[in-house]
Amino acid sequence: MKYYLFAGAEYYAAGGARDFIKSSDDLEHLLECANQLFGDEYIGGTFWCAYDWYHITDEDMKIVAKSDKQAHS
């Protein structure tokens, strides 16, 4: 089965395909990738993170994993 990783820094109603990051047949690999997206980086006295949320979907676009924080909640 193929899995798809989507992530973003903000929510916008017309999102979707623009939030696509990568795909894989290995769900664990995508979970590792998603966790790396949340790696805080210390820049100029402030912690920065490239992404605020992620979803991993299966081939049927059913969400099989997601970050605790979601942009729309």
PDB file of N, CA and C in Angstrom:
ATOM      1  N   MET A   1       0.853  -1.185   0.000  1.00  0.00           N
ATOM      2  CA  MET A   1       0.000   0.000   0.000  1.00  0.00           C
ATOM      3  C   MET A   1       0.892   1.239   0.000  1.00  0.00           C
ATOM      4  N   LYS A   2       0.470   2.246  -0.700  1.00  0.00           N
ATOM      5  CA  LYS A   2       1.194   3.514  -0.773  1.00  0.00           C
ATOM      6  C   LYS A   2       0.622   4.482   0.256  1.00  0.00           C
ATOM      7  N   TYR A   3       1.501   5.274   0.859  1.00  0.00           N
ATOM      8  CA  TYR A   3       1.112   6.289   1.833  1.00  0.00           C
ATOM      9  C   TYR A   3       1.625   7.647   1.364  1.00  0.00           C
ATOM     10  N   TYR A   4       0.933   8.708   1.774  1.00  0.00           N
ATOM     11  CA  TYR A   4       1.259  10.062   1.342  1.00  0.00           C
ATOM     12  C   TYR A   4       1.368  10.979   2.550  1.00  0.00           C
ATOM     13  N   LEU A   5       2.425  11.769   2.585  1.00  0.00           N
ATOM     14  CA  LEU A   5       2.661  12.714   3.674  1.00  0.00           C
ATOM     15  C   LEU A   5       2.322  14.119   3.201  1.00  0.00           C
ATOM     16  N   PHE A   6       1.451  14.778   3.951  1.00  0.00           N
ATOM     17  CA  PHE A   6       1.095  16.170   3.723  1.00  0.00           C
ATOM     18  C   PHE A   6       1.456  16.943   4.983  1.00  0.00           C
ATOM     19  N   ALA A   7       1.964  18.162   4.825  1.00  0.00           N
ATOM     20  CA  ALA A   7       2.315  18.979   5.991  1.00  0.00           C
ATOM     21  C   ALA A   7       2.226  20.447   5.609  1.00  0.00           C
ATOM     22  N   GLY A   8       2.052  21.284   6.623  1.00  0.00           N
ATOM     23  CA  GLY A   8       1.970  22.714   6.358  1.00  0.00           C
ATOM     24  C   GLY A   8       2.235  23.551   7.585  1.00  0.00           C
ATOM     25  N   ALA A   9       2.377  24.832   7.333  1.00  0.00           N
ATOM     26  CA  ALA A   9       2.628  25.785   8.408  1.00  0.00           C
ATOM     27  C   ALA A   9       1.378  26.587   8.734  1.00  0.00           C
ATOM     28  N   GLU A  10       0.365  26.461   7.921  1.00  0.00           N
ATOM     29  CA  GLU A  10      -0.876  27.191   8.159  1.00  0.00           C
ATOM     30  C   GLU A  10      -2.009  26.462   7.476  1.00  0.00           C
ATOM     31  N   TYR A  11      -3.218  26.828   7.822  1.00  0.00           N
ATOM     32  CA  TYR A  11      -4.398  26.231   7.214  1.00  0.00           C
ATOM     33  C   TYR A  11      -4.993  27.208   6.211  1.00  0.00           C
ATOM     34  N   TYR A  12      -5.365  26.694   5.073  1.00  0.00           N
ATOM     35  CA  TYR A  12      -6.090  27.491   4.094  1.00  0.00           C
ATOM     36  C   TYR A  12      -7.071  26.566   3.385  1.00  0.00           C
ATOM     37  N   ALA A  13      -8.221  27.080   3.134  1.00  0.00           N
ATOM     38  CA  ALA A  13      -9.313  26.245   2.628  1.00  0.00           C
ATOM     39  C   ALA A  13      -9.009  25.573   1.300  1.00  0.00           C
ATOM     40  N   ALA A  14      -8.196  26.153   0.469  1.00  0.00           N
ATOM     41  CA  ALA A  14      -7.881  25.585  -0.838  1.00  0.00           C
ATOM     42  C   ALA A  14      -6.545  24.839  -0.813  1.00  0.00           C
ATOM     43  N   GLY A  15      -6.216  24.207   0.292  1.00  0.00           N
ATOM     44  CA  GLY A  15      -4.942  23.495   0.438  1.00  0.00           C
ATOM     45  C   GLY A  15      -4.927  22.221  -0.372  1.00  0.00           C
ATOM     46  N   GLY A  16      -4.502  21.156   0.230  1.00  0.00           N
ATOM     47  CA  GLY A  16      -4.519  19.878  -0.455  1.00  0.00           C
ATOM     48  C   GLY A  16      -3.221  19.557  -1.137  1.00  0.00           C
ATOM     49  N   ALA A  17      -3.219  19.488  -2.441  1.00  0.00           N
ATOM     50  CA  ALA A  17      -2.052  19.046  -3.199  1.00  0.00           C
ATOM     51  C   ALA A  17      -0.823  19.910  -2.937  1.00  0.00           C
ATOM     52  N   ARG A  18      -1.007  21.176  -2.641  1.00  0.00           N
ATOM     53  CA  ARG A  18       0.149  22.037  -2.366  1.00  0.00           C
ATOM     54  C   ARG A  18       0.851  21.667  -1.059  1.00  0.00           C
ATOM     55  N   ASP A  19       0.194  20.902  -0.200  1.00  0.00           N
ATOM     56  CA  ASP A  19       0.783  20.481   1.064  1.00  0.00           C
ATOM     57  C   ASP A  19       1.477  19.123   0.972  1.00  0.00           C
ATOM     58  N   PHE A  20       1.478  18.512  -0.221  1.00  0.00           N
ATOM     59  CA  PHE A  20       2.101  17.208  -0.408  1.00  0.00           C
ATOM     60  C   PHE A  20       3.609  17.319  -0.220  1.00  0.00           C
ATOM     61  N   ILE A  21       4.187  16.406   0.591  1.00  0.00           N
ATOM     62  CA  ILE A  21       5.623  16.393   0.842  1.00  0.00           C
ATOM     63  C   ILE A  21       6.285  15.217   0.132  1.00  0.00           C
ATOM     64  N   LYS A  22       5.832  13.997   0.396  1.00  0.00           N
ATOM     65  CA  LYS A  22       6.401  12.818  -0.254  1.00  0.00           C
ATOM     66  C   LYS A  22       5.501  11.617  -0.057  1.00  0.00           C
ATOM     67  N   SER A  23       5.788  10.536  -0.782  1.00  0.00           N
ATOM     68  CA  SER A  23       5.037   9.295  -0.650  1.00  0.00           C
ATOM     69  C   SER A  23       6.011   8.139  -0.424  1.00  0.00           C
ATOM     70  N   SER A  24       5.479   7.031   0.091  1.00  0.00           N
ATOM     71  CA  SER A  24       6.294   5.853   0.343  1.00  0.00           C
ATOM     72  C   SER A  24       5.379   4.660   0.556  1.00  0.00           C
ATOM     73  N   ASP A  25       5.915   3.463   0.332  1.00  0.00           N
ATOM     74  CA  ASP A  25       5.202   2.237   0.669  1.00  0.00           C
ATOM     75  C   ASP A  25       5.398   1.885   2.136  1.00  0.00           C
ATOM     76  N   ASP A  26       6.268   2.609   2.819  1.00  0.00           N
ATOM     77  CA  ASP A  26       6.644   2.326   4.205  1.00  0.00           C
ATOM     78  C   ASP A  26       6.086   3.411   5.133  1.00  0.00           C
ATOM     79  N   LEU A  27       5.038   3.072   5.871  1.00  0.00           N
ATOM     80  CA  LEU A  27       4.396   4.027   6.772  1.00  0.00           C
ATOM     81  C   LEU A  27       5.378   4.516   7.839  1.00  0.00           C
ATOM     82  N   GLU A  28       6.185   3.624   8.398  1.00  0.00           N
ATOM     83  CA  GLU A  28       7.149   4.013   9.436  1.00  0.00           C
ATOM     84  C   GLU A  28       8.144   5.041   8.909  1.00  0.00           C
ATOM     85  N   HIS A  29       8.558   4.890   7.659  1.00  0.00           N
ATOM     86  CA  HIS A  29       9.478   5.860   7.046  1.00  0.00           C
ATOM     87  C   HIS A  29       8.835   7.244   6.989  1.00  0.00           C
ATOM     88  N   LEU A  30       7.572   7.307   6.598  1.00  0.00           N
ATOM     89  CA  LEU A  30       6.896   8.607   6.522  1.00  0.00           C
ATOM     90  C   LEU A  30       6.682   9.201   7.905  1.00  0.00           C
ATOM     91  N   LEU A  31       6.444   8.375   8.907  1.00  0.00           N
ATOM     92  CA  LEU A  31       6.325   8.887  10.279  1.00  0.00           C
ATOM     93  C   LEU A  31       7.646   9.503  10.737  1.00  0.00           C
ATOM     94  N   GLU A  32       8.760   8.865  10.394  1.00  0.00           N
ATOM     95  CA  GLU A  32      10.070   9.426  10.733  1.00  0.00           C
ATOM     96  C   GLU A  32      10.274  10.763  10.018  1.00  0.00           C
ATOM     97  N   CYS A  33       9.913  10.817   8.748  1.00  0.00           N
ATOM     98  CA  CYS A  33      10.028  12.069   7.979  1.00  0.00           C
ATOM     99  C   CYS A  33       9.173  13.162   8.602  1.00  0.00           C
ATOM    100  N   ALA A  34       7.955  12.820   8.982  1.00  0.00           N
ATOM    101  CA  ALA A  34       7.049  13.799   9.581  1.00  0.00           C
ATOM    102  C   ALA A  34       7.639  14.342  10.873  1.00  0.00           C
ATOM    103  N   ASN A  35       8.192  13.477  11.697  1.00  0.00           N
ATOM    104  CA  ASN A  35       8.786  13.930  12.955  1.00  0.00           C
ATOM    105  C   ASN A  35       9.988  14.835  12.717  1.00  0.00           C
ATOM    106  N   GLN A  36      10.740  14.599  11.663  1.00  0.00           N
ATOM    107  CA  GLN A  36      11.874  15.462  11.334  1.00  0.00           C
ATOM    108  C   GLN A  36      11.415  16.857  10.905  1.00  0.00           C
ATOM    109  N   LEU A  37      10.240  16.954  10.316  1.00  0.00           N
ATOM    110  CA  LEU A  37       9.712  18.256   9.901  1.00  0.00           C
ATOM    111  C   LEU A  37       9.458  19.164  11.097  1.00  0.00           C
ATOM    112  N   PHE A  38       9.257  18.555  12.271  1.00  0.00           N
ATOM    113  CA  PHE A  38       8.964  19.316  13.471  1.00  0.00           C
ATOM    114  C   PHE A  38      10.211  19.610  14.290  1.00  0.00           C
ATOM    115  N   GLY A  39      11.376  19.307  13.744  1.00  0.00           N
ATOM    116  CA  GLY A  39      12.623  19.565  14.463  1.00  0.00           C
ATOM    117  C   GLY A  39      12.847  21.055  14.633  1.00  0.00           C
ATOM    118  N   ASP A  40      12.708  21.538  15.847  1.00  0.00           N
ATOM    119  CA  ASP A  40      12.892  22.966  16.118  1.00  0.00           C
ATOM    120  C   ASP A  40      14.335  23.379  15.863  1.00  0.00           C
ATOM    121  N   GLU A  41      14.508  24.535  15.288  1.00  0.00           N
ATOM    122  CA  GLU A  41      15.827  25.084  15.019  1.00  0.00           C
ATOM    123  C   GLU A  41      15.941  26.427  15.729  1.00  0.00           C
ATOM    124  N   TYR A  42      17.025  26.622  16.423  1.00  0.00           N
ATOM    125  CA  TYR A  42      17.234  27.851  17.180  1.00  0.00           C
ATOM    126  C   TYR A  42      17.934  28.871  16.292  1.00  0.00           C
ATOM    127  N   ILE A  43      17.224  29.941  15.940  1.00  0.00           N
ATOM    128  CA  ILE A  43      17.771  30.973  15.053  1.00  0.00           C
ATOM    129  C   ILE A  43      17.525  32.328  15.686  1.00  0.00           C
ATOM    130  N   GLY A  44      18.588  33.069  15.899  1.00  0.00           N
ATOM    131  CA  GLY A  44      18.461  34.433  16.412  1.00  0.00           C
ATOM    132  C   GLY A  44      17.700  34.551  17.715  1.00  0.00           C
ATOM    133  N   GLY A  45      17.877  33.602  18.617  1.00  0.00           N
ATOM    134  CA  GLY A  45      17.227  33.672  19.912  1.00  0.00           C
ATOM    135  C   GLY A  45      15.797  33.170  19.920  1.00  0.00           C
ATOM    136  N   THR A  46      15.319  32.608  18.794  1.00  0.00           N
ATOM    137  CA  THR A  46      13.945  32.124  18.705  1.00  0.00           C
ATOM    138  C   THR A  46      13.942  30.719  18.119  1.00  0.00           C
ATOM    139  N   PHE A  47      13.054  29.856  18.625  1.00  0.00           N
ATOM    140  CA  PHE A  47      12.888  28.538  18.036  1.00  0.00           C
ATOM    141  C   PHE A  47      11.955  28.641  16.831  1.00  0.00           C
ATOM    142  N   TRP A  48      12.352  28.047  15.707  1.00  0.00           N
ATOM    143  CA  TRP A  48      11.560  28.061  14.480  1.00  0.00           C
ATOM    144  C   TRP A  48      11.284  26.629  14.052  1.00  0.00           C
ATOM    145  N   CYS A  49      10.159  26.411  13.490  1.00  0.00           N
ATOM    146  CA  CYS A  49       9.793  25.098  12.973  1.00  0.00           C
ATOM    147  C   CYS A  49       9.158  25.324  11.599  1.00  0.00           C
ATOM    148  N   ALA A  50       9.566  24.524  10.624  1.00  0.00           N
ATOM    149  CA  ALA A  50       9.082  24.724   9.259  1.00  0.00           C
ATOM    150  C   ALA A  50       7.600  24.367   9.102  1.00  0.00           C
ATOM    151  N   TYR A  51       7.123  23.400   9.886  1.00  0.00           N
ATOM    152  CA  TYR A  51       5.754  22.929   9.728  1.00  0.00           C
ATOM    153  C   TYR A  51       5.043  22.880  11.076  1.00  0.00           C
ATOM    154  N   ASP A  52       3.742  23.113  11.049  1.00  0.00           N
ATOM    155  CA  ASP A  52       2.926  23.092  12.263  1.00  0.00           C
ATOM    156  C   ASP A  52       2.090  21.817  12.397  1.00  0.00           C
ATOM    157  N   TRP A  53       1.840  21.133  11.293  1.00  0.00           N
ATOM    158  CA  TRP A  53       0.957  19.974  11.311  1.00  0.00           C
ATOM    159  C   TRP A  53       1.332  19.014  10.192  1.00  0.00           C
ATOM    160  N   TYR A  54       0.883  17.761  10.308  1.00  0.00           N
ATOM    161  CA  TYR A  54       1.018  16.800   9.208  1.00  0.00           C
ATOM    162  C   TYR A  54      -0.133  15.803   9.223  1.00  0.00           C
ATOM    163  N   HIS A  55      -0.389  15.228   8.067  1.00  0.00           N
ATOM    164  CA  HIS A  55      -1.309  14.099   7.880  1.00  0.00           C
ATOM    165  C   HIS A  55      -0.559  13.070   7.054  1.00  0.00           C
ATOM    166  N   ILE A  56      -0.782  11.804   7.334  1.00  0.00           N
ATOM    167  CA  ILE A  56      -0.341  10.735   6.446  1.00  0.00           C
ATOM    168  C   ILE A  56      -1.604   9.987   6.047  1.00  0.00           C
ATOM    169  N   THR A  57      -1.803   9.845   4.748  1.00  0.00           N
ATOM    170  CA  THR A  57      -2.994   9.169   4.238  1.00  0.00           C
ATOM    171  C   THR A  57      -2.609   7.882   3.527  1.00  0.00           C
ATOM    172  N   ASP A  58      -3.603   6.999   3.385  1.00  0.00           N
ATOM    173  CA  ASP A  58      -3.381   5.802   2.576  1.00  0.00           C
ATOM    174  C   ASP A  58      -3.831   6.096   1.142  1.00  0.00           C
ATOM    175  N   GLU A  59      -3.830   5.070   0.300  1.00  0.00           N
ATOM    176  CA  GLU A  59      -4.196   5.252  -1.108  1.00  0.00           C
ATOM    177  C   GLU A  59      -5.616   5.768  -1.301  1.00  0.00           C
ATOM    178  N   ASP A  60      -6.479   5.506  -0.341  1.00  0.00           N
ATOM    179  CA  ASP A  60      -7.867   5.960  -0.416  1.00  0.00           C
ATOM    180  C   ASP A  60      -8.055   7.343   0.198  1.00  0.00           C
ATOM    181  N   MET A  61      -6.940   7.997   0.549  1.00  0.00           N
ATOM    182  CA  MET A  61      -6.918   9.320   1.174  1.00  0.00           C
ATOM    183  C   MET A  61      -7.547   9.322   2.560  1.00  0.00           C
ATOM    184  N   LYS A  62      -7.570   8.167   3.223  1.00  0.00           N
ATOM    185  CA  LYS A  62      -7.994   8.078   4.618  1.00  0.00           C
ATOM    186  C   LYS A  62      -6.780   8.416   5.489  1.00  0.00           C
ATOM    187  N   ILE A  63      -6.943   9.325   6.436  1.00  0.00           N
ATOM    188  CA  ILE A  63      -5.849   9.713   7.312  1.00  0.00           C
ATOM    189  C   ILE A  63      -5.528   8.546   8.244  1.00  0.00           C
ATOM    190  N   VAL A  64      -4.274   8.070   8.195  1.00  0.00           N
ATOM    191  CA  VAL A  64      -3.848   6.958   9.034  1.00  0.00           C
ATOM    192  C   VAL A  64      -2.944   7.416  10.179  1.00  0.00           C
ATOM    193  N   ALA A  65      -2.417   8.630  10.093  1.00  0.00           N
ATOM    194  CA  ALA A  65      -1.606   9.221  11.165  1.00  0.00           C
ATOM    195  C   ALA A  65      -1.647  10.720  11.008  1.00  0.00           C
ATOM    196  N   LYS A  66      -1.530  11.443  12.132  1.00  0.00           N
ATOM    197  CA  LYS A  66      -1.522  12.898  12.064  1.00  0.00           C
ATOM    198  C   LYS A  66      -0.830  13.460  13.301  1.00  0.00           C
ATOM    199  N   SER A  67      -0.401  14.695  13.186  1.00  0.00           N
ATOM    200  CA  SER A  67       0.230  15.379  14.320  1.00  0.00           C
ATOM    201  C   SER A  67      -0.826  15.711  15.354  1.00  0.00           C
ATOM    202  N   ASP A  68      -0.374  15.883  16.588  1.00  0.00           N
ATOM    203  CA  ASP A  68      -1.298  16.278  17.653  1.00  0.00           C
ATOM    204  C   ASP A  68      -1.920  17.630  17.354  1.00  0.00           C
ATOM    205  N   LYS A  69      -1.091  18.567  16.906  1.00  0.00           N
ATOM    206  CA  LYS A  69      -1.583  19.897  16.552  1.00  0.00           C
ATOM    207  C   LYS A  69      -2.062  19.876  15.109  1.00  0.00           C
ATOM    208  N   GLN A  70      -3.244  20.407  14.890  1.00  0.00           N
ATOM    209  CA  GLN A  70      -3.788  20.536  13.543  1.00  0.00           C
ATOM    210  C   GLN A  70      -4.090  22.007  13.284  1.00  0.00           C
ATOM    211  N   ALA A  71      -3.826  22.457  12.102  1.00  0.00           N
ATOM    212  CA  ALA A  71      -3.946  23.881  11.777  1.00  0.00           C
ATOM    213  C   ALA A  71      -5.372  24.392  11.916  1.00  0.00           C
ATOM    214  N   HIS A  72      -6.350  23.559  11.688  1.00  0.00           N
ATOM    215  CA  HIS A  72      -7.739  24.002  11.701  1.00  0.00           C
ATOM    216  C   HIS A  72      -8.408  23.836  13.060  1.00  0.00           C
ATOM    217  N   SER A  73      -7.660  23.385  14.082  1.00  0.00           N
ATOM    218  CA  SER A  73      -8.303  23.189  15.384  1.00  0.00           C
ATOM    219  C   SER A  73      -7.856  24.219  16.393  1.00  0.00           C
TER     220      SER A  73
END
